Protein backbone atom coordinates (compact mmCIF):
# COMPACT_ATOMS: atom_id res chain seq x y z
CA MET A 1 0.00 0.00 0.00
CA THR A 2 2.93 2.33 0.64
CA VAL A 3 4.11 1.97 -2.95
CA LEU A 4 0.68 2.85 -4.30
CA THR A 5 0.46 5.88 -2.03
CA THR A 6 3.91 7.04 -3.15
CA ILE A 7 3.04 6.65 -6.82
CA ARG A 8 -0.20 8.55 -6.30
CA GLU A 9 1.66 11.33 -4.48
CA ALA A 10 4.04 11.72 -7.42
CA THR A 11 1.20 12.79 -9.70
CA LYS A 12 0.01 15.65 -7.42
CA ASP A 13 -3.37 16.06 -9.07
CA ASP A 14 -6.62 17.38 -7.60
CA LEU A 15 -7.70 13.96 -6.35
CA THR A 16 -4.87 13.62 -3.82
CA THR A 17 -7.09 14.64 -0.88
CA ALA A 18 -9.73 12.10 -1.83
CA PHE A 19 -7.04 9.45 -2.10
CA HIS A 20 -5.78 10.28 1.40
CA ILE A 21 -9.32 9.91 2.74
CA LYS A 22 -9.63 6.52 1.04
CA ILE A 23 -6.33 5.31 2.51
CA GLY A 24 -7.40 6.59 5.94
CA VAL A 25 -10.71 4.73 5.77
CA LYS A 26 -8.91 1.54 4.70
CA ILE A 27 -6.47 1.82 7.61
CA VAL A 28 -9.31 2.30 10.12
CA ILE A 29 -11.13 -0.74 8.72
CA ALA A 30 -7.91 -2.77 8.77
CA ILE A 31 -7.41 -1.95 12.44
CA ALA A 32 -11.04 -2.87 13.08
CA VAL A 33 -10.33 -6.25 11.46
CA LEU A 34 -7.05 -6.75 13.29
CA VAL A 35 -8.34 -6.22 16.83
CA PRO A 36 -11.03 -8.97 16.86
CA ALA A 37 -8.69 -11.27 14.92
CA VAL A 38 -6.02 -10.93 17.61
CA ILE A 39 -8.62 -11.42 20.34
CA GLY A 40 -9.81 -14.62 18.65
CA TYR A 41 -6.25 -15.82 18.17
CA ARG A 42 -5.41 -15.29 21.84
CA LYS A 43 -8.55 -17.14 22.91
CA ALA A 44 -7.67 -20.05 20.63
CA ALA A 45 -4.10 -20.09 21.94
CA ALA A 46 -5.44 -20.26 25.51
CA ASN A 47 -7.65 -23.24 24.55
CA GLN A 48 -10.81 -21.18 24.93
CA GLU A 49 -13.56 -21.16 22.36
CA ALA A 50 -13.83 -17.96 20.31
CA SER A 51 -17.40 -16.87 19.69
CA THR A 52 -18.86 -17.13 16.21
CA GLY A 53 -19.83 -13.47 16.40
CA LEU A 54 -16.16 -12.58 16.69
CA ALA A 55 -15.30 -14.68 13.65
CA HIS A 56 -18.18 -13.19 11.67
CA ALA A 57 -17.09 -9.68 12.64
CA VAL A 58 -13.59 -10.32 11.29
CA GLY A 59 -14.89 -11.80 8.05
CA GLY A 60 -17.52 -9.13 7.54
CA MET A 61 -15.15 -6.25 8.10
CA ALA A 62 -12.61 -7.84 5.78
CA LEU A 63 -15.28 -8.03 3.08
CA ILE A 64 -16.16 -4.37 3.69
CA ASN A 65 -12.49 -3.49 3.24
CA ILE A 66 -12.44 -5.36 -0.07
CA ALA A 67 -15.62 -3.55 -1.14
CA VAL A 68 -14.03 -0.18 -0.35
CA VAL A 69 -11.07 -1.02 -2.60
CA THR A 70 -13.25 -2.30 -5.39
CA LEU A 71 -16.10 0.20 -5.43
CA TRP A 72 -14.48 3.45 -4.29
CA SER A 73 -12.83 4.86 -7.39
CA VAL A 74 -10.75 7.97 -6.92
């Protein structure tokens, strides 16, 4: 993602601000995916059962992140 951001910065067109917003949204969603994934991993490592809601949250937010990449054209 850093390479794409650097390439986009090199062009310096009017859409740079919109691109920064898109990258910011993707980072927030990625963190929102990472936190429940780590919680589930730690529960599994401690031989506790992770809830299905936690697993569905990780999968759903990952799909939302993919949708942002695919549908948000800058």
